[in-house]
Each structure stands twice: as C-alpha cells, then as structure tokens.
Amino acid sequence: MWLDIEALQKFYNSPLGLMVNRVISRHIHASWPSVKNSTILGLGFPGPYLNIFHHETNNVFAAIPASGDATFYLKNSPEQNFMTEEAELPLEDLSIDRVILIHSVEFSESIWPLMREIWRVLSNDGRLIIIAPNRRGVWARLERTPFGYGRPYSQSQLTTLLHDTLFTPIKIKTALYMPPIGSRMLISSSLAWEHIGRYFLDGLGLAMGGIISIEAKKQIYAITPNIKTSRSRSYVTILNQ
C-alpha cells in the first residue's frame, strides 16, 4: 500500500525531512557527479531528489504510481510528471539514461514487472539507483518517517532482486546513520553522523544506516520477455537535447 503523497510532502517540508533530503541527495550526487544532457526518471516519490539535476538537464521526469493519490504532488512539482501503472511505463524503449527508485520498491505490489519495465526503458549504458529502507537500520523500525512503512530490504535481498530482473549491481552503500529524531541538535550534526557511520560502522561490516542505496546497470545481452499490457500505451514525449 502506497503512502499518502501529501503526508510524504509534509515530511520533506519538516526539518528532519529537509535533512534527509540533503543527505540522500548528496549520496546520489556522489554516485552520479555529472549527468549533463541525460534523461532522468524518478519513480515512487522522487521529487525532493530530482532538484540536483535541473542545472544539467531539462529532461527530468517524475513517475507517480497510479495507485497513489498524486493530485497534490502533480500540481505542485516542477518536474515533468505523469501518473503510471507500475508495469506499463509510458516511455519508449531505451529512452532513459538514469533511473532513481525511492519510496517505491518497499511499497510496490508488482515489483518484478516494474523492474522489467525499467530494464526496457533504460538505455544500454544507463544506470539505476534503488534507495530502500534498510532492514537492519533503526529508521525501518519506527513509523515516524516514511522509511518506517512498507517492506524494508537487506543488501542481499536487493541484490537478488536485481539479478532476477537482469541487472548487475555495481555499488552498494548505506546512509542515514542519525537516529530518526527531529532534534535540532541531532539534525545540525547529521554530517558528523554520516562520517562516523560510513567510515566506522560500515568499515566494521555493520551497515546500520537507515537506507540502502544500490547502483546497477542492465544486462544488455538479456532477452526481454514479452509482457502483455491490458491497454494500448500513450507515450510521454522526451525531447533530445
């Protein structure tokens, strides 16, 4: 079951949500330092994390699940937005260079068809980043943030999901080491928490961050199954720069 879009937006407008946005956006940018003229697709509730790309490309899209109440978000977001069924993305084959899945896999009711659709629309040299709640982290255990809802994942579960849907994992990281508490003092020290978690906890193999981030590429020699759709598709227009 998908979280209410307005509730997600309210969280990201809060001091704790703004901190989460900064930490994860920095995390994404470290993985993709340059996306000049690329076409970016965010799936789930990606809006807060797409702003980092606007200075490099105009082709930034946010795909919102049709099962969610997206009216509020669609009216108040600068991205090119569209609602979609998980298994029927309205995009041409090989039309996307970068895909970000956030607030998506943990709520998906059709994760395998969704991943196969991402494989279809992603260019042969494209990249995918999945960001999901870490089963071992504190954030997945408390319902005070969006990461406390849906199904959390372990690193091995995400890796298996990618292999099963014809992707090859490249990098696996964790982030959000600060406790999910809206204390001003804790929020102001969030960078120190990230530093300690990344260099000490991860170094010990504990991987206790609130989220798992896994970057992957598609297996370009894989054969895509013929997935039948229930209706004819209408496609979102992507302008090449």
Protein backbone atom coordinates (compact mmCIF):
# COMPACT_ATOMS: atom_id res chain seq x y z
CA MET A 1 0.00 0.00 0.00
CA TRP A 2 1.37 3.39 -1.03
CA LEU A 3 1.77 6.20 1.48
CA ASP A 4 -0.31 9.32 1.05
CA ILE A 5 1.53 11.79 -1.21
CA GLU A 6 0.60 14.78 0.94
CA ALA A 7 1.99 13.02 4.01
CA LEU A 8 5.27 12.42 2.17
CA GLN A 9 5.43 16.06 1.09
CA LYS A 10 4.71 17.19 4.66
CA PHE A 11 7.60 15.08 5.94
CA TYR A 12 10.02 16.53 3.38
CA ASN A 13 8.98 20.06 4.37
CA SER A 14 9.88 19.34 8.02
CA PRO A 15 13.39 19.95 9.48
CA LEU A 16 14.01 16.19 9.67
CA GLY A 17 12.80 15.70 6.09
CA LEU A 18 14.99 18.53 4.81
CA MET A 19 17.98 16.87 6.48
CA VAL A 20 17.10 13.52 4.90
CA ASN A 21 16.84 15.23 1.52
CA ARG A 22 20.29 16.80 1.91
CA VAL A 23 21.94 13.54 2.99
CA ILE A 24 20.42 11.33 0.29
CA SER A 25 20.81 13.98 -2.45
CA ARG A 26 24.50 14.25 -1.57
CA HIS A 27 24.66 10.47 -1.68
CA ILE A 28 23.09 10.35 -5.17
CA HIS A 29 25.28 13.14 -6.49
CA ALA A 30 28.41 11.30 -5.32
CA SER A 31 27.34 8.33 -7.44
CA TRP A 32 26.40 10.47 -10.46
CA PRO A 33 28.57 13.62 -10.33
CA SER A 34 27.73 14.53 -13.92
CA VAL A 35 24.50 13.87 -15.82
CA LYS A 36 24.86 16.57 -18.47
CA ASN A 37 22.12 16.32 -21.10
CA SER A 38 20.95 12.99 -19.69
CA THR A 39 17.32 11.97 -19.35
CA ILE A 40 16.45 11.31 -15.70
CA LEU A 41 13.46 9.35 -14.45
CA GLY A 42 12.43 9.19 -10.80
CA LEU A 43 9.89 6.57 -9.69
CA GLY A 44 7.90 6.48 -6.46
CA PHE A 45 8.18 9.81 -4.67
CA PRO A 46 11.38 11.19 -6.26
CA GLY A 47 10.63 14.92 -6.37
CA PRO A 48 12.83 16.07 -3.46
CA TYR A 49 15.81 14.30 -5.02
CA LEU A 50 15.47 15.48 -8.61
CA ASN A 51 16.36 19.12 -7.95
CA ILE A 52 20.08 18.31 -8.05
CA PHE A 53 19.80 17.52 -11.77
CA HIS A 54 17.97 20.59 -13.06
CA HIS A 55 21.14 22.63 -13.66
CA GLU A 56 22.49 19.96 -16.02
CA THR A 57 19.45 18.75 -17.94
CA ASN A 58 15.87 19.71 -18.70
CA ASN A 59 14.76 16.13 -19.24
CA VAL A 60 13.81 15.28 -15.66
CA PHE A 61 10.67 13.20 -15.15
CA ALA A 62 8.80 12.05 -12.06
CA ALA A 63 6.58 8.98 -12.42
CA ILE A 64 3.94 8.66 -9.70
CA PRO A 65 2.13 5.34 -9.13
CA ALA A 66 -1.47 5.45 -10.26
CA SER A 67 -2.44 3.68 -7.03
CA GLY A 68 -1.30 6.68 -5.00
CA ASP A 69 -3.16 9.97 -4.51
CA ALA A 70 -0.88 12.07 -6.69
CA THR A 71 -3.14 15.05 -7.40
CA PHE A 72 -1.46 17.29 -4.82
CA TYR A 73 2.03 16.40 -5.98
CA LEU A 74 1.32 16.74 -9.70
CA LYS A 75 0.07 20.29 -9.20
CA ASN A 76 2.98 21.43 -7.05
CA SER A 77 6.12 19.92 -8.55
CA PRO A 78 8.46 21.50 -11.14
CA GLU A 79 9.31 18.22 -12.86
CA GLN A 80 7.58 16.80 -15.90
CA ASN A 81 5.19 14.49 -14.08
CA PHE A 82 2.89 11.69 -15.06
CA MET A 83 0.89 9.02 -13.32
CA THR A 84 1.53 5.45 -14.38
CA GLU A 85 0.76 1.84 -13.76
CA GLU A 86 3.81 0.08 -12.37
CA ALA A 87 4.00 -2.46 -15.17
CA GLU A 88 3.21 -0.03 -18.02
CA LEU A 89 5.59 2.92 -18.07
CA PRO A 90 4.53 5.33 -20.87
CA LEU A 91 8.08 5.63 -22.22
CA GLU A 92 9.81 4.38 -25.35
CA ASP A 93 12.39 1.60 -25.24
CA LEU A 94 15.95 2.75 -24.36
CA SER A 95 14.76 6.33 -23.77
CA ILE A 96 16.09 6.92 -20.22
CA ASP A 97 19.72 7.38 -19.11
CA ARG A 98 19.31 7.41 -15.33
CA VAL A 99 16.58 5.97 -13.08
CA ILE A 100 16.08 6.59 -9.36
CA LEU A 101 13.71 4.40 -7.36
CA ILE A 102 12.88 5.90 -3.96
CA HIS A 103 9.78 5.31 -1.82
CA SER A 104 8.96 2.72 -4.44
CA VAL A 105 10.25 -0.85 -4.05
CA GLU A 106 9.13 -1.12 -0.42
CA PHE A 107 5.53 -0.30 -1.43
CA SER A 108 5.35 -1.99 -4.81
CA GLU A 109 2.74 -4.69 -5.34
CA SER A 110 4.25 -5.68 -8.70
CA ILE A 111 7.98 -5.29 -8.19
CA TRP A 112 9.11 -7.82 -10.82
CA PRO A 113 7.06 -6.29 -13.69
CA LEU A 114 8.18 -2.80 -12.56
CA MET A 115 11.85 -3.80 -12.71
CA ARG A 116 11.37 -5.35 -16.14
CA GLU A 117 9.79 -2.11 -17.36
CA ILE A 118 12.77 -0.18 -16.04
CA TRP A 119 15.04 -2.58 -17.92
CA ARG A 120 13.07 -1.88 -21.10
CA VAL A 121 13.19 1.93 -20.94
CA LEU A 122 16.77 2.23 -19.66
CA SER A 123 19.46 2.84 -22.30
CA ASN A 124 22.08 0.15 -22.75
CA ASP A 125 24.70 2.19 -20.88
CA GLY A 126 22.18 3.64 -18.42
CA ARG A 127 22.28 3.38 -14.64
CA LEU A 128 19.72 2.63 -11.95
CA ILE A 129 19.83 3.57 -8.26
CA ILE A 130 17.47 1.90 -5.81
CA ILE A 131 17.08 3.54 -2.41
CA ALA A 132 15.14 1.46 0.10
CA PRO A 133 14.74 1.22 3.89
CA ASN A 134 17.48 -0.86 5.45
CA ARG A 135 16.07 -3.89 7.29
CA ARG A 136 18.94 -3.67 9.78
CA GLY A 137 18.55 0.06 10.44
CA VAL A 138 16.57 1.98 13.07
CA TRP A 139 14.63 4.03 10.51
CA ALA A 140 12.75 0.96 9.26
CA ARG A 141 11.58 0.14 12.79
CA LEU A 142 9.84 3.44 13.59
CA GLU A 143 6.78 4.84 11.80
CA ARG A 144 7.64 8.48 12.41
CA THR A 145 9.20 8.76 8.93
CA PRO A 146 8.25 7.31 5.50
CA PHE A 147 11.09 4.80 5.81
CA GLY A 148 9.19 3.05 8.59
CA TYR A 149 6.44 1.88 6.24
CA GLY A 150 6.31 -0.83 3.61
CA ARG A 151 8.77 -3.69 3.29
CA PRO A 152 12.38 -2.95 4.30
CA TYR A 153 15.17 -4.72 2.44
CA SER A 154 18.55 -6.22 3.21
CA GLN A 155 21.51 -5.83 0.88
CA SER A 156 21.23 -9.47 -0.19
CA GLN A 157 17.50 -9.11 -0.96
CA LEU A 158 18.09 -6.08 -3.20
CA THR A 159 21.00 -7.81 -4.92
CA THR A 160 18.83 -10.87 -5.58
CA LEU A 161 16.03 -8.67 -6.93
CA LEU A 162 18.44 -7.03 -9.37
CA HIS A 163 19.95 -10.30 -10.56
CA ASP A 164 16.49 -11.83 -11.01
CA THR A 165 15.39 -8.90 -13.19
CA LEU A 166 18.53 -8.84 -15.36
CA PHE A 167 20.52 -6.06 -13.70
CA THR A 168 24.10 -6.18 -12.45
CA PRO A 169 24.82 -4.44 -9.13
CA ILE A 170 27.77 -2.02 -9.22
CA LYS A 171 27.91 -0.30 -5.82
CA ILE A 172 26.12 -0.89 -2.53
CA LYS A 173 26.15 1.80 0.17
CA THR A 174 24.17 2.80 3.22
CA ALA A 175 23.30 6.26 4.58
CA LEU A 176 21.16 7.98 7.25
CA TYR A 177 23.05 6.97 10.38
CA MET A 178 21.49 9.62 12.57
CA PRO A 179 18.52 8.42 14.67
CA PRO A 180 15.14 9.42 13.13
CA ILE A 181 14.55 12.15 15.72
CA GLY A 182 13.69 15.76 14.89
CA SER A 183 16.04 17.23 17.48
CA ARG A 184 17.67 20.44 16.25
CA MET A 185 20.98 19.39 17.83
CA LEU A 186 20.94 16.00 16.11
CA ILE A 187 19.93 17.48 12.77
CA SER A 188 22.75 20.02 12.93
CA SER A 189 25.24 17.18 13.49
CA SER A 190 23.91 14.97 10.68
CA LEU A 191 27.11 15.25 8.61
CA ALA A 192 29.15 14.02 11.57
CA TRP A 193 26.78 11.04 11.94
CA GLU A 194 27.23 10.22 8.24
CA HIS A 195 31.01 10.43 8.55
CA ILE A 196 31.09 8.16 11.59
CA GLY A 197 28.67 5.67 10.07
CA ARG A 198 30.40 5.50 6.71
CA TYR A 199 33.96 5.14 7.98
CA PHE A 200 33.46 3.20 11.19
CA LEU A 201 30.19 1.24 11.18
CA ASP A 202 30.43 0.29 7.51
CA GLY A 203 34.12 -0.41 7.99
CA LEU A 204 33.17 -2.99 10.61
CA GLY A 205 30.63 -4.53 8.23
CA LEU A 206 27.64 -3.41 10.31
CA ALA A 207 25.80 -1.44 7.57
CA MET A 208 23.40 0.15 10.07
CA GLY A 209 22.33 3.16 8.00
CA GLY A 210 18.64 3.91 7.62
CA ILE A 211 18.66 3.34 3.87
CA ILE A 212 20.42 1.08 1.41
CA SER A 213 21.49 2.56 -1.90
CA ILE A 214 22.42 0.16 -4.67
CA GLU A 215 23.52 1.23 -8.14
CA ALA A 216 23.14 -1.16 -11.05
CA LYS A 217 23.43 -1.46 -14.81
CA LYS A 218 21.32 -3.57 -17.13
CA GLN A 219 22.48 -6.84 -18.59
CA ILE A 220 22.37 -5.80 -22.24
CA TYR A 221 22.55 -9.34 -23.63
CA ALA A 222 19.48 -10.44 -21.71
CA ILE A 223 16.31 -11.30 -23.59
CA THR A 224 13.33 -9.24 -22.53
CA PRO A 225 10.13 -11.25 -22.03
CA ASN A 226 7.09 -10.19 -23.99
CA ILE A 227 4.96 -8.56 -21.30
CA LYS A 228 1.37 -8.15 -22.43
CA THR A 229 -0.41 -4.97 -21.39
CA SER A 230 -4.07 -4.59 -20.67
CA ARG A 231 -4.46 -1.50 -22.81
CA SER A 232 -2.66 0.46 -25.52
CA ARG A 233 0.02 2.79 -24.22
CA SER A 234 0.26 6.54 -24.72
CA TYR A 235 3.84 7.76 -24.52
CA VAL A 236 5.43 10.68 -22.73
CA THR A 237 7.37 12.85 -25.17
CA ILE A 238 11.07 13.20 -24.43
CA LEU A 239 12.96 15.97 -26.18
CA ASN A 240 16.56 15.16 -27.01
CA GLN A 241 18.98 17.97 -26.16
